[in-house]
């Protein structure tokens, strides 16, 4: 029988705006998003520049809602040590296979069709988020870690052929989704 091991993640970046960052650090608490790549949760990157991109996007959204004082910011946090059983690591073949089996079984037993007039890529994102959330709820998963393909964009598309010819990965990002805010700690402002 194999023993369990504990995994921890340090110095993960969360993009937000200054006023939210101040509140997050002061209360040492995040308010989970209602949607995202993996469904509801708190999202982090291990890449500061990607978190900065997310912060700028959040800033734009806030300004569109009338918050003209919004300024992009980043907070840094750690994930408390977790038993492997509480983590769905989609980068690991075994976890990916387990999730694939769950999805295939679920889809074979349930009618899961999109509404008319919805973009197929948008439907894929929604379906992925719903299935990941359901899987996590059914299996007490508190953290999802995975590689995700970035949406097509000029800077990535322009060098895709070069990257392929040299077997370099491009347009892939690691996303961490804390399904439970209780696992996030040591929240601090960016350095």
C-alpha atoms as a PDB file:
ATOM      1  CA  UNK A   1       0.000   0.000   0.000  1.00  0.00           C
ATOM      2  CA  UNK A   2       1.314   3.419  -0.902  1.00  0.00           C
ATOM      3  CA  UNK A   3       1.470   6.169   1.673  1.00  0.00           C
ATOM      4  CA  UNK A   4      -0.010   9.572   1.090  1.00  0.00           C
ATOM      5  CA  UNK A   5       2.150  12.588   0.567  1.00  0.00           C
ATOM      6  CA  UNK A   6       1.515  16.276   1.110  1.00  0.00           C
ATOM      7  CA  UNK A   7       1.835  18.901  -1.611  1.00  0.00           C
ATOM      8  CA  UNK A   8       2.177  22.653  -1.139  1.00  0.00           C
ATOM      9  CA  UNK A   9       2.419  25.590  -3.502  1.00  0.00           C
ATOM     10  CA  UNK A  10       4.154  28.851  -2.644  1.00  0.00           C
ATOM     11  CA  UNK A  11       4.234  32.335  -4.140  1.00  0.00           C
ATOM     12  CA  UNK A  12       1.183  32.085  -6.382  1.00  0.00           C
ATOM     13  CA  UNK A  13      -0.021  35.309  -7.998  1.00  0.00           C
ATOM     14  CA  UNK A  14      -3.583  36.624  -8.168  1.00  0.00           C
ATOM     15  CA  UNK A  15      -4.438  39.577 -10.411  1.00  0.00           C
ATOM     16  CA  UNK A  16      -6.918  42.093  -9.052  1.00  0.00           C
ATOM     17  CA  UNK A  17      -7.162  45.845  -8.384  1.00  0.00           C
ATOM     18  CA  UNK A  18      -5.559  47.841  -5.551  1.00  0.00           C
ATOM     19  CA  UNK A  19      -8.696  48.346  -3.469  1.00  0.00           C
ATOM     20  CA  UNK A  20      -9.538  44.615  -3.633  1.00  0.00           C
ATOM     21  CA  UNK A  21      -5.895  43.697  -2.915  1.00  0.00           C
ATOM     22  CA  UNK A  22      -5.862  45.853   0.226  1.00  0.00           C
ATOM     23  CA  UNK A  23      -9.046  44.189   1.481  1.00  0.00           C
ATOM     24  CA  UNK A  24      -7.803  40.679   0.639  1.00  0.00           C
ATOM     25  CA  UNK A  25      -4.541  41.237   2.527  1.00  0.00           C
ATOM     26  CA  UNK A  26      -6.240  42.931   5.487  1.00  0.00           C
ATOM     27  CA  UNK A  27      -8.849  40.181   5.930  1.00  0.00           C
ATOM     28  CA  UNK A  28      -6.592  37.349   4.706  1.00  0.00           C
ATOM     29  CA  UNK A  29      -9.612  36.175   2.738  1.00  0.00           C
ATOM     30  CA  UNK A  30     -10.562  35.880  -0.910  1.00  0.00           C
ATOM     31  CA  UNK A  31     -14.070  36.004  -2.288  1.00  0.00           C
ATOM     32  CA  UNK A  32     -14.243  33.209  -4.884  1.00  0.00           C
ATOM     33  CA  UNK A  33     -15.207  34.077  -8.428  1.00  0.00           C
ATOM     34  CA  UNK A  34     -18.515  32.640  -9.611  1.00  0.00           C
ATOM     35  CA  UNK A  35     -17.042  31.391 -12.876  1.00  0.00           C
ATOM     36  CA  UNK A  36     -13.755  30.661 -14.590  1.00  0.00           C
ATOM     37  CA  UNK A  37     -11.815  27.970 -16.415  1.00  0.00           C
ATOM     38  CA  UNK A  38     -12.483  25.489 -13.593  1.00  0.00           C
ATOM     39  CA  UNK A  39     -15.765  26.906 -12.332  1.00  0.00           C
ATOM     40  CA  UNK A  40     -16.144  28.866  -9.094  1.00  0.00           C
ATOM     41  CA  UNK A  41     -12.962  29.389  -7.094  1.00  0.00           C
ATOM     42  CA  UNK A  42      -9.986  31.618  -6.453  1.00  0.00           C
ATOM     43  CA  UNK A  43      -7.554  31.663  -9.387  1.00  0.00           C
ATOM     44  CA  UNK A  44      -3.793  31.923  -9.255  1.00  0.00           C
ATOM     45  CA  UNK A  45      -0.835  31.752 -11.609  1.00  0.00           C
ATOM     46  CA  UNK A  46       2.776  30.840 -10.915  1.00  0.00           C
ATOM     47  CA  UNK A  47       3.742  33.429 -13.529  1.00  0.00           C
ATOM     48  CA  UNK A  48       3.668  37.053 -12.341  1.00  0.00           C
ATOM     49  CA  UNK A  49       3.250  38.439 -15.879  1.00  0.00           C
ATOM     50  CA  UNK A  50       0.110  36.324 -16.399  1.00  0.00           C
ATOM     51  CA  UNK A  51      -1.288  37.577 -13.082  1.00  0.00           C
ATOM     52  CA  UNK A  52      -0.523  41.126 -14.224  1.00  0.00           C
ATOM     53  CA  UNK A  53      -2.477  40.455 -17.427  1.00  0.00           C
ATOM     54  CA  UNK A  54      -5.379  39.241 -15.253  1.00  0.00           C
ATOM     55  CA  UNK A  55      -5.086  42.339 -13.038  1.00  0.00           C
ATOM     56  CA  UNK A  56      -5.250  44.623 -16.083  1.00  0.00           C
ATOM     57  CA  UNK A  57      -8.306  42.754 -17.370  1.00  0.00           C
ATOM     58  CA  UNK A  58     -10.006  43.105 -13.969  1.00  0.00           C
ATOM     59  CA  UNK A  59      -9.107  46.792 -13.953  1.00  0.00           C
ATOM     60  CA  UNK A  60     -10.729  47.270 -17.391  1.00  0.00           C
ATOM     61  CA  UNK A  61     -13.897  45.493 -16.223  1.00  0.00           C
ATOM     62  CA  UNK A  62     -14.055  47.637 -13.095  1.00  0.00           C
ATOM     63  CA  UNK A  63     -13.647  50.836 -15.132  1.00  0.00           C
ATOM     64  CA  UNK A  64     -16.416  49.688 -17.497  1.00  0.00           C
ATOM     65  CA  UNK A  65     -18.632  49.335 -14.397  1.00  0.00           C
ATOM     66  CA  UNK A  66     -17.825  52.931 -13.418  1.00  0.00           C
ATOM     67  CA  UNK A  67     -14.976  52.353 -10.962  1.00  0.00           C
ATOM     68  CA  UNK A  68     -12.674  54.944 -12.547  1.00  0.00           C
ATOM     69  CA  UNK A  69     -10.237  54.761  -9.606  1.00  0.00           C
ATOM     70  CA  UNK A  70      -9.389  51.111 -10.338  1.00  0.00           C
ATOM     71  CA  UNK A  71      -5.642  50.396 -10.561  1.00  0.00           C
ATOM     72  CA  UNK A  72      -4.254  46.960 -11.451  1.00  0.00           C
ATOM     73  CA  UNK A  73      -2.503  45.108  -8.633  1.00  0.00           C
ATOM     74  CA  UNK A  74      -1.303  41.660  -7.647  1.00  0.00           C
ATOM     75  CA  UNK A  75      -1.464  39.747  -4.386  1.00  0.00           C
ATOM     76  CA  UNK A  76       0.700  36.758  -3.571  1.00  0.00           C
ATOM     77  CA  UNK A  77      -0.470  33.766  -1.563  1.00  0.00           C
ATOM     78  CA  UNK A  78       0.500  30.249  -0.609  1.00  0.00           C
ATOM     79  CA  UNK A  79      -1.586  27.101  -0.570  1.00  0.00           C
ATOM     80  CA  UNK A  80      -1.548  25.240   2.733  1.00  0.00           C
ATOM     81  CA  UNK A  81      -0.041  21.757   2.610  1.00  0.00           C
ATOM     82  CA  UNK A  82      -2.657  19.382   1.186  1.00  0.00           C
ATOM     83  CA  UNK A  83      -2.853  15.614   0.944  1.00  0.00           C
ATOM     84  CA  UNK A  84      -2.614  14.507  -2.666  1.00  0.00           C
ATOM     85  CA  UNK A  85      -6.193  13.160  -2.472  1.00  0.00           C
ATOM     86  CA  UNK A  86      -7.458  16.758  -2.131  1.00  0.00           C
ATOM     87  CA  UNK A  87      -5.737  17.926  -5.339  1.00  0.00           C
ATOM     88  CA  UNK A  88      -6.785  17.331  -8.924  1.00  0.00           C
ATOM     89  CA  UNK A  89      -3.548  17.830 -10.855  1.00  0.00           C
ATOM     90  CA  UNK A  90      -4.518  17.727 -14.518  1.00  0.00           C
ATOM     91  CA  UNK A  91      -0.802  17.838 -15.412  1.00  0.00           C
ATOM     92  CA  UNK A  92      -0.406  14.329 -13.964  1.00  0.00           C
ATOM     93  CA  UNK A  93      -1.442  11.498 -16.319  1.00  0.00           C
ATOM     94  CA  UNK A  94      -3.150   9.500 -13.540  1.00  0.00           C
ATOM     95  CA  UNK A  95      -5.313  12.434 -12.402  1.00  0.00           C
ATOM     96  CA  UNK A  96      -6.116  13.348 -15.996  1.00  0.00           C
ATOM     97  CA  UNK A  97      -7.103   9.749 -16.760  1.00  0.00           C
ATOM     98  CA  UNK A  98      -9.304   9.582 -13.650  1.00  0.00           C
ATOM     99  CA  UNK A  99     -11.036  12.825 -14.610  1.00  0.00           C
ATOM    100  CA  UNK A 100     -11.424  11.643 -18.242  1.00  0.00           C
ATOM    101  CA  UNK A 101     -13.092   8.432 -17.054  1.00  0.00           C
ATOM    102  CA  UNK A 102     -15.441  10.446 -14.838  1.00  0.00           C
ATOM    103  CA  UNK A 103     -16.344  12.782 -17.727  1.00  0.00           C
ATOM    104  CA  UNK A 104     -16.880   9.944 -20.220  1.00  0.00           C
ATOM    105  CA  UNK A 105     -19.094   8.047 -17.780  1.00  0.00           C
ATOM    106  CA  UNK A 106     -21.046  11.191 -16.871  1.00  0.00           C
ATOM    107  CA  UNK A 107     -21.597  12.187 -20.503  1.00  0.00           C
ATOM    108  CA  UNK A 108     -22.698   8.674 -21.480  1.00  0.00           C
ATOM    109  CA  UNK A 109     -25.336   8.715 -18.729  1.00  0.00           C
ATOM    110  CA  UNK A 110     -26.567  12.314 -19.067  1.00  0.00           C
ATOM    111  CA  UNK A 111     -27.880  14.479 -21.864  1.00  0.00           C
ATOM    112  CA  UNK A 112     -25.508  17.421 -21.786  1.00  0.00           C
ATOM    113  CA  UNK A 113     -26.228  19.443 -24.898  1.00  0.00           C
ATOM    114  CA  UNK A 114     -25.673  23.131 -25.444  1.00  0.00           C
ATOM    115  CA  UNK A 115     -28.348  25.706 -25.884  1.00  0.00           C
ATOM    116  CA  UNK A 116     -28.960  26.876 -29.396  1.00  0.00           C
ATOM    117  CA  UNK A 117     -27.019  29.926 -30.573  1.00  0.00           C
ATOM    118  CA  UNK A 118     -24.098  29.439 -28.203  1.00  0.00           C
ATOM    119  CA  UNK A 119     -20.573  29.575 -29.591  1.00  0.00           C
ATOM    120  CA  UNK A 120     -19.045  26.033 -29.553  1.00  0.00           C
ATOM    121  CA  UNK A 121     -15.846  27.255 -27.854  1.00  0.00           C
ATOM    122  CA  UNK A 122     -17.861  29.076 -25.193  1.00  0.00           C
ATOM    123  CA  UNK A 123     -19.964  25.939 -24.662  1.00  0.00           C
ATOM    124  CA  UNK A 124     -16.774  23.871 -24.248  1.00  0.00           C
ATOM    125  CA  UNK A 125     -15.536  26.279 -21.560  1.00  0.00           C
ATOM    126  CA  UNK A 126     -18.856  26.198 -19.725  1.00  0.00           C
ATOM    127  CA  UNK A 127     -19.086  22.421 -19.920  1.00  0.00           C
ATOM    128  CA  UNK A 128     -15.489  22.013 -18.688  1.00  0.00           C
ATOM    129  CA  UNK A 129     -16.137  24.352 -15.751  1.00  0.00           C
ATOM    130  CA  UNK A 130     -19.349  22.545 -14.801  1.00  0.00           C
ATOM    131  CA  UNK A 131     -17.782  19.081 -15.016  1.00  0.00           C
ATOM    132  CA  UNK A 132     -14.673  20.094 -13.059  1.00  0.00           C
ATOM    133  CA  UNK A 133     -16.806  21.684 -10.352  1.00  0.00           C
ATOM    134  CA  UNK A 134     -19.061  18.638 -10.114  1.00  0.00           C
ATOM    135  CA  UNK A 135     -16.064  16.286  -9.990  1.00  0.00           C
ATOM    136  CA  UNK A 136     -14.449  18.361  -7.240  1.00  0.00           C
ATOM    137  CA  UNK A 137     -17.643  18.441  -5.215  1.00  0.00           C
ATOM    138  CA  UNK A 138     -18.133  14.674  -5.547  1.00  0.00           C
ATOM    139  CA  UNK A 139     -14.517  13.906  -4.605  1.00  0.00           C
ATOM    140  CA  UNK A 140     -13.784  16.599  -1.985  1.00  0.00           C
ATOM    141  CA  UNK A 141     -11.143  18.184  -4.225  1.00  0.00           C
ATOM    142  CA  UNK A 142      -9.945  21.499  -2.826  1.00  0.00           C
ATOM    143  CA  UNK A 143      -7.406  22.505  -5.483  1.00  0.00           C
ATOM    144  CA  UNK A 144      -7.221  22.081  -9.243  1.00  0.00           C
ATOM    145  CA  UNK A 145      -3.903  22.539 -11.018  1.00  0.00           C
ATOM    146  CA  UNK A 146      -3.706  22.296 -14.759  1.00  0.00           C
ATOM    147  CA  UNK A 147      -2.170  23.388 -18.014  1.00  0.00           C
ATOM    148  CA  UNK A 148      -4.628  25.262 -20.189  1.00  0.00           C
ATOM    149  CA  UNK A 149      -4.310  26.506 -23.752  1.00  0.00           C
ATOM    150  CA  UNK A 150      -4.553  30.256 -24.063  1.00  0.00           C
ATOM    151  CA  UNK A 151      -7.108  31.575 -26.490  1.00  0.00           C
ATOM    152  CA  UNK A 152      -5.778  32.399 -29.923  1.00  0.00           C
ATOM    153  CA  UNK A 153      -4.078  35.770 -29.978  1.00  0.00           C
ATOM    154  CA  UNK A 154      -1.714  37.600 -32.317  1.00  0.00           C
ATOM    155  CA  UNK A 155       1.576  37.419 -30.380  1.00  0.00           C
ATOM    156  CA  UNK A 156       1.188  33.673 -29.814  1.00  0.00           C
ATOM    157  CA  UNK A 157      -0.100  32.877 -33.300  1.00  0.00           C
ATOM    158  CA  UNK A 158       2.795  34.794 -34.890  1.00  0.00           C
ATOM    159  CA  UNK A 159       5.425  32.455 -33.416  1.00  0.00           C
ATOM    160  CA  UNK A 160       3.423  29.209 -33.313  1.00  0.00           C
ATOM    161  CA  UNK A 161       5.125  27.644 -36.343  1.00  0.00           C
ATOM    162  CA  UNK A 162       8.575  28.470 -34.959  1.00  0.00           C
ATOM    163  CA  UNK A 163       7.661  27.026 -31.560  1.00  0.00           C
ATOM    164  CA  UNK A 164       6.285  23.851 -33.153  1.00  0.00           C
ATOM    165  CA  UNK A 165       9.396  23.400 -35.298  1.00  0.00           C
ATOM    166  CA  UNK A 166      11.600  23.479 -32.182  1.00  0.00           C
ATOM    167  CA  UNK A 167       9.170  21.475 -30.010  1.00  0.00           C
ATOM    168  CA  UNK A 168       8.620  24.446 -27.723  1.00  0.00           C
ATOM    169  CA  UNK A 169       5.360  24.834 -25.844  1.00  0.00           C
ATOM    170  CA  UNK A 170       3.651  28.155 -26.400  1.00  0.00           C
ATOM    171  CA  UNK A 171       0.248  29.469 -25.442  1.00  0.00           C
ATOM    172  CA  UNK A 172       0.015  27.199 -22.405  1.00  0.00           C
ATOM    173  CA  UNK A 173      -0.482  28.493 -18.887  1.00  0.00           C
ATOM    174  CA  UNK A 174      -0.644  26.837 -15.497  1.00  0.00           C
ATOM    175  CA  UNK A 175      -3.773  27.747 -13.599  1.00  0.00           C
ATOM    176  CA  UNK A 176      -4.391  27.021  -9.932  1.00  0.00           C
ATOM    177  CA  UNK A 177      -8.017  27.083  -8.803  1.00  0.00           C
ATOM    178  CA  UNK A 178      -8.614  26.947  -5.048  1.00  0.00           C
ATOM    179  CA  UNK A 179     -12.082  25.490  -4.649  1.00  0.00           C
ATOM    180  CA  UNK A 180     -11.851  26.169  -0.919  1.00  0.00           C
ATOM    181  CA  UNK A 181     -10.678  29.539   0.381  1.00  0.00           C
ATOM    182  CA  UNK A 182      -9.610  27.798   3.606  1.00  0.00           C
ATOM    183  CA  UNK A 183      -6.547  26.361   1.846  1.00  0.00           C
ATOM    184  CA  UNK A 184      -5.168  29.805   0.931  1.00  0.00           C
ATOM    185  CA  UNK A 185      -2.899  31.544   3.442  1.00  0.00           C
ATOM    186  CA  UNK A 186       0.045  33.902   3.851  1.00  0.00           C
ATOM    187  CA  UNK A 187      -1.629  36.482   1.624  1.00  0.00           C
ATOM    188  CA  UNK A 188       0.533  39.518   0.911  1.00  0.00           C
ATOM    189  CA  UNK A 189       1.057  42.379  -1.497  1.00  0.00           C
ATOM    190  CA  UNK A 190       3.300  42.055  -4.525  1.00  0.00           C
ATOM    191  CA  UNK A 191       6.985  42.714  -4.152  1.00  0.00           C
END
